[in-house]
């Protein structure tokens, strides 16, 4: 079961969001619980979109939300990568 919403792979999004939360101080069981909850929510949304359980007018907003929040982990990755290349 490999879902994507708006071209964003759910598994990659969850990894990015959990890594962000870990940098903000969530640890151990908290990060595991967060990964579980995000997994349930995003897989439910992906399944709902793929099977048309989410009506079309709402599907646009779900896709918009998921694509929007994927920008944060992507920006963090570029920031970390830039620090490595610039030696900071």
N, C-alpha and C. Protein backbone atom coordinates (compact mmCIF):
# COMPACT_ATOMS: atom_id res chain seq x y z
N UNK A 1 0.85 -1.17 0.00
CA UNK A 1 0.00 0.00 0.00
C UNK A 1 0.90 1.24 0.00
N UNK A 2 1.04 1.84 -1.16
CA UNK A 2 1.90 3.01 -1.29
C UNK A 2 1.06 4.17 -1.79
N UNK A 3 0.78 5.11 -0.92
CA UNK A 3 -0.09 6.21 -1.29
C UNK A 3 0.70 7.50 -1.51
N UNK A 4 0.18 8.31 -2.38
CA UNK A 4 0.68 9.66 -2.59
C UNK A 4 -0.53 10.58 -2.69
N UNK A 5 -0.37 11.77 -2.18
CA UNK A 5 -1.43 12.76 -2.25
C UNK A 5 -0.83 13.98 -2.92
N UNK A 6 -1.38 14.35 -4.06
CA UNK A 6 -0.87 15.49 -4.79
C UNK A 6 0.59 15.33 -5.19
N UNK A 7 1.00 14.10 -5.44
CA UNK A 7 2.38 13.84 -5.82
C UNK A 7 3.34 13.73 -4.64
N UNK A 8 2.83 13.87 -3.42
CA UNK A 8 3.66 13.78 -2.22
C UNK A 8 3.51 12.38 -1.64
N UNK A 9 4.62 11.65 -1.53
CA UNK A 9 4.59 10.31 -0.95
C UNK A 9 4.31 10.42 0.54
N UNK A 10 3.30 9.72 0.98
CA UNK A 10 2.89 9.81 2.39
C UNK A 10 4.01 9.37 3.32
N UNK A 11 4.69 8.28 2.99
CA UNK A 11 5.76 7.79 3.87
C UNK A 11 6.86 8.84 4.04
N UNK A 12 7.25 9.48 2.94
CA UNK A 12 8.29 10.50 3.01
C UNK A 12 7.81 11.71 3.82
N UNK A 13 6.54 12.07 3.66
CA UNK A 13 5.99 13.19 4.41
C UNK A 13 6.00 12.90 5.91
N UNK A 14 5.62 11.71 6.29
CA UNK A 14 5.59 11.34 7.70
C UNK A 14 7.01 11.37 8.28
N UNK A 15 7.96 10.84 7.55
CA UNK A 15 9.36 10.87 8.03
C UNK A 15 9.81 12.31 8.24
N UNK A 16 9.52 13.17 7.28
CA UNK A 16 9.91 14.57 7.40
C UNK A 16 9.25 15.27 8.57
N UNK A 17 7.97 15.04 8.78
CA UNK A 17 7.26 15.68 9.88
C UNK A 17 7.74 15.17 11.24
N UNK A 18 8.01 13.88 11.34
CA UNK A 18 8.50 13.33 12.61
C UNK A 18 9.91 13.84 12.89
N UNK A 19 10.76 13.92 11.87
CA UNK A 19 12.11 14.46 12.08
C UNK A 19 12.03 15.91 12.53
N UNK A 20 11.12 16.68 11.96
CA UNK A 20 10.94 18.06 12.40
C UNK A 20 10.52 18.09 13.87
N UNK A 21 9.57 17.26 14.24
CA UNK A 21 9.10 17.22 15.64
C UNK A 21 10.23 16.81 16.58
N UNK A 22 11.09 15.90 16.14
CA UNK A 22 12.22 15.50 16.98
C UNK A 22 13.19 16.66 17.18
N UNK A 23 13.40 17.46 16.15
CA UNK A 23 14.26 18.63 16.30
C UNK A 23 13.63 19.67 17.23
N UNK A 24 12.32 19.65 17.34
CA UNK A 24 11.62 20.58 18.22
C UNK A 24 11.50 20.04 19.64
N UNK A 25 12.00 18.83 19.89
CA UNK A 25 12.05 18.32 21.26
C UNK A 25 11.23 17.08 21.56
N UNK A 26 10.44 16.59 20.62
CA UNK A 26 9.68 15.36 20.88
C UNK A 26 10.66 14.19 20.84
N UNK A 27 10.56 13.30 21.82
CA UNK A 27 11.52 12.21 21.92
C UNK A 27 10.83 10.86 22.07
N UNK A 28 11.59 9.82 21.82
CA UNK A 28 11.25 8.43 22.06
C UNK A 28 9.80 8.07 21.75
N UNK A 29 9.02 7.77 22.80
CA UNK A 29 7.65 7.31 22.60
C UNK A 29 6.77 8.39 21.98
N UNK A 30 7.10 9.64 22.24
CA UNK A 30 6.33 10.73 21.64
C UNK A 30 6.48 10.74 20.13
N UNK A 31 7.70 10.51 19.65
CA UNK A 31 7.90 10.49 18.19
C UNK A 31 7.28 9.24 17.57
N UNK A 32 7.28 8.14 18.29
CA UNK A 32 6.62 6.92 17.80
C UNK A 32 5.12 7.13 17.72
N UNK A 33 4.55 7.75 18.75
CA UNK A 33 3.11 8.01 18.75
C UNK A 33 2.75 8.98 17.63
N UNK A 34 3.57 9.99 17.44
CA UNK A 34 3.31 10.95 16.36
C UNK A 34 3.35 10.26 15.00
N UNK A 35 4.34 9.41 14.78
CA UNK A 35 4.45 8.68 13.51
C UNK A 35 3.21 7.81 13.30
N UNK A 36 2.75 7.15 14.35
CA UNK A 36 1.56 6.30 14.25
C UNK A 36 0.34 7.13 13.87
N UNK A 37 0.13 8.23 14.60
CA UNK A 37 -1.04 9.07 14.35
C UNK A 37 -1.00 9.66 12.95
N UNK A 38 0.15 10.18 12.54
CA UNK A 38 0.27 10.74 11.20
C UNK A 38 0.04 9.66 10.15
N UNK A 39 0.54 8.46 10.41
CA UNK A 39 0.33 7.35 9.48
C UNK A 39 -1.14 7.04 9.30
N UNK A 40 -1.85 6.96 10.40
CA UNK A 40 -3.29 6.67 10.33
C UNK A 40 -4.02 7.78 9.57
N UNK A 41 -3.73 9.02 9.92
CA UNK A 41 -4.44 10.14 9.30
C UNK A 41 -4.14 10.23 7.80
N UNK A 42 -2.86 10.19 7.42
CA UNK A 42 -2.52 10.38 6.01
C UNK A 42 -2.88 9.18 5.15
N UNK A 43 -2.77 7.97 5.69
CA UNK A 43 -3.20 6.81 4.91
C UNK A 43 -4.72 6.82 4.75
N UNK A 44 -5.44 7.24 5.79
CA UNK A 44 -6.90 7.35 5.66
C UNK A 44 -7.26 8.38 4.59
N UNK A 45 -6.56 9.51 4.59
CA UNK A 45 -6.82 10.52 3.56
C UNK A 45 -6.48 10.00 2.17
N UNK A 46 -5.32 9.34 2.05
CA UNK A 46 -4.92 8.78 0.75
C UNK A 46 -5.90 7.74 0.25
N UNK A 47 -6.33 6.87 1.15
CA UNK A 47 -7.31 5.84 0.77
C UNK A 47 -8.63 6.49 0.38
N UNK A 48 -9.03 7.48 1.16
CA UNK A 48 -10.28 8.18 0.86
C UNK A 48 -10.24 8.87 -0.49
N UNK A 49 -9.10 9.45 -0.84
CA UNK A 49 -8.97 10.11 -2.14
C UNK A 49 -8.94 9.08 -3.27
N UNK A 50 -8.20 7.99 -3.09
CA UNK A 50 -8.07 6.97 -4.13
C UNK A 50 -9.37 6.23 -4.42
N UNK A 51 -10.21 6.09 -3.42
CA UNK A 51 -11.46 5.34 -3.59
C UNK A 51 -12.68 6.25 -3.71
N UNK A 52 -12.44 7.55 -3.82
CA UNK A 52 -13.50 8.56 -3.96
C UNK A 52 -14.45 8.60 -2.76
N UNK A 53 -13.97 8.21 -1.59
CA UNK A 53 -14.78 8.34 -0.37
C UNK A 53 -14.85 9.80 0.06
N UNK A 54 -13.83 10.56 -0.31
CA UNK A 54 -13.83 12.00 -0.03
C UNK A 54 -14.39 12.69 -1.27
N UNK A 55 -15.49 13.41 -1.12
CA UNK A 55 -16.11 14.06 -2.28
C UNK A 55 -15.14 15.04 -2.96
N UNK A 56 -15.29 15.16 -4.27
CA UNK A 56 -14.39 15.97 -5.09
C UNK A 56 -14.19 17.40 -4.58
N UNK A 57 -15.23 18.10 -4.16
CA UNK A 57 -14.98 19.47 -3.67
C UNK A 57 -14.02 19.52 -2.48
N UNK A 58 -14.08 18.50 -1.63
CA UNK A 58 -13.20 18.46 -0.46
C UNK A 58 -11.82 17.89 -0.80
N UNK A 59 -11.77 17.03 -1.79
CA UNK A 59 -10.50 16.40 -2.19
C UNK A 59 -9.48 17.45 -2.60
N UNK A 60 -9.93 18.50 -3.24
CA UNK A 60 -9.03 19.57 -3.65
C UNK A 60 -8.37 20.22 -2.44
N UNK A 61 -9.13 20.43 -1.37
CA UNK A 61 -8.58 21.05 -0.17
C UNK A 61 -7.67 20.11 0.60
N UNK A 62 -8.00 18.83 0.61
CA UNK A 62 -7.13 17.84 1.26
C UNK A 62 -5.78 17.81 0.54
N UNK A 63 -5.81 17.77 -0.78
CA UNK A 63 -4.58 17.77 -1.57
C UNK A 63 -3.79 19.05 -1.32
N UNK A 64 -4.45 20.16 -1.31
CA UNK A 64 -3.81 21.45 -1.06
C UNK A 64 -3.12 21.46 0.29
N UNK A 65 -3.80 20.95 1.33
CA UNK A 65 -3.22 20.90 2.68
C UNK A 65 -1.97 20.03 2.70
N UNK A 66 -2.05 18.84 2.13
CA UNK A 66 -0.92 17.91 2.17
C UNK A 66 0.28 18.47 1.40
N UNK A 67 0.03 19.01 0.23
CA UNK A 67 1.13 19.58 -0.55
C UNK A 67 1.74 20.77 0.20
N UNK A 68 0.91 21.57 0.85
CA UNK A 68 1.40 22.73 1.59
C UNK A 68 2.30 22.34 2.75
N UNK A 69 1.88 21.34 3.53
CA UNK A 69 2.71 20.97 4.69
C UNK A 69 3.95 20.21 4.28
N UNK A 70 4.00 19.71 3.06
CA UNK A 70 5.21 19.02 2.61
C UNK A 70 6.35 20.01 2.36
N UNK A 71 6.02 21.28 2.22
CA UNK A 71 7.06 22.29 2.00
C UNK A 71 7.97 22.47 3.20
N UNK A 72 7.45 22.29 4.39
CA UNK A 72 8.26 22.46 5.62
C UNK A 72 9.40 21.46 5.70
N UNK A 73 9.12 20.17 5.63
CA UNK A 73 10.22 19.20 5.67
C UNK A 73 11.20 19.36 4.51
N UNK A 74 10.69 19.73 3.34
CA UNK A 74 11.58 19.94 2.20
C UNK A 74 12.52 21.11 2.47
N UNK A 75 11.99 22.20 2.99
CA UNK A 75 12.81 23.36 3.31
C UNK A 75 13.84 23.02 4.38
N UNK A 76 13.44 22.23 5.38
CA UNK A 76 14.38 21.81 6.43
C UNK A 76 15.51 21.00 5.83
N UNK A 77 15.19 20.10 4.91
CA UNK A 77 16.21 19.28 4.28
C UNK A 77 17.20 20.12 3.50
N UNK A 78 16.71 21.10 2.76
CA UNK A 78 17.59 21.99 2.01
C UNK A 78 18.46 22.81 2.96
N UNK A 79 17.89 23.25 4.07
CA UNK A 79 18.63 24.02 5.06
C UNK A 79 19.77 23.18 5.63
N UNK A 80 19.45 21.95 6.04
CA UNK A 80 20.48 21.06 6.60
C UNK A 80 21.55 20.74 5.56
N UNK A 81 21.13 20.51 4.34
CA UNK A 81 22.07 20.22 3.27
C UNK A 81 22.99 21.42 3.00
N UNK A 82 22.41 22.61 3.01
CA UNK A 82 23.21 23.82 2.83
C UNK A 82 24.23 24.00 3.94
N UNK A 83 23.84 23.70 5.17
CA UNK A 83 24.79 23.79 6.30
C UNK A 83 25.95 22.84 6.09
N UNK A 84 25.69 21.64 5.59
CA UNK A 84 26.75 20.66 5.38
C UNK A 84 27.73 21.14 4.30
N UNK A 85 27.19 21.68 3.21
CA UNK A 85 28.04 22.12 2.12
C UNK A 85 28.80 23.39 2.44
N UNK A 86 28.23 24.24 3.28
CA UNK A 86 28.88 25.50 3.63
C UNK A 86 29.75 25.37 4.88
N UNK A 87 29.72 24.18 5.49
CA UNK A 87 30.58 23.91 6.65
C UNK A 87 30.17 24.65 7.91
N UNK A 88 28.90 24.91 8.08
CA UNK A 88 28.43 25.61 9.28
C UNK A 88 27.79 24.66 10.24
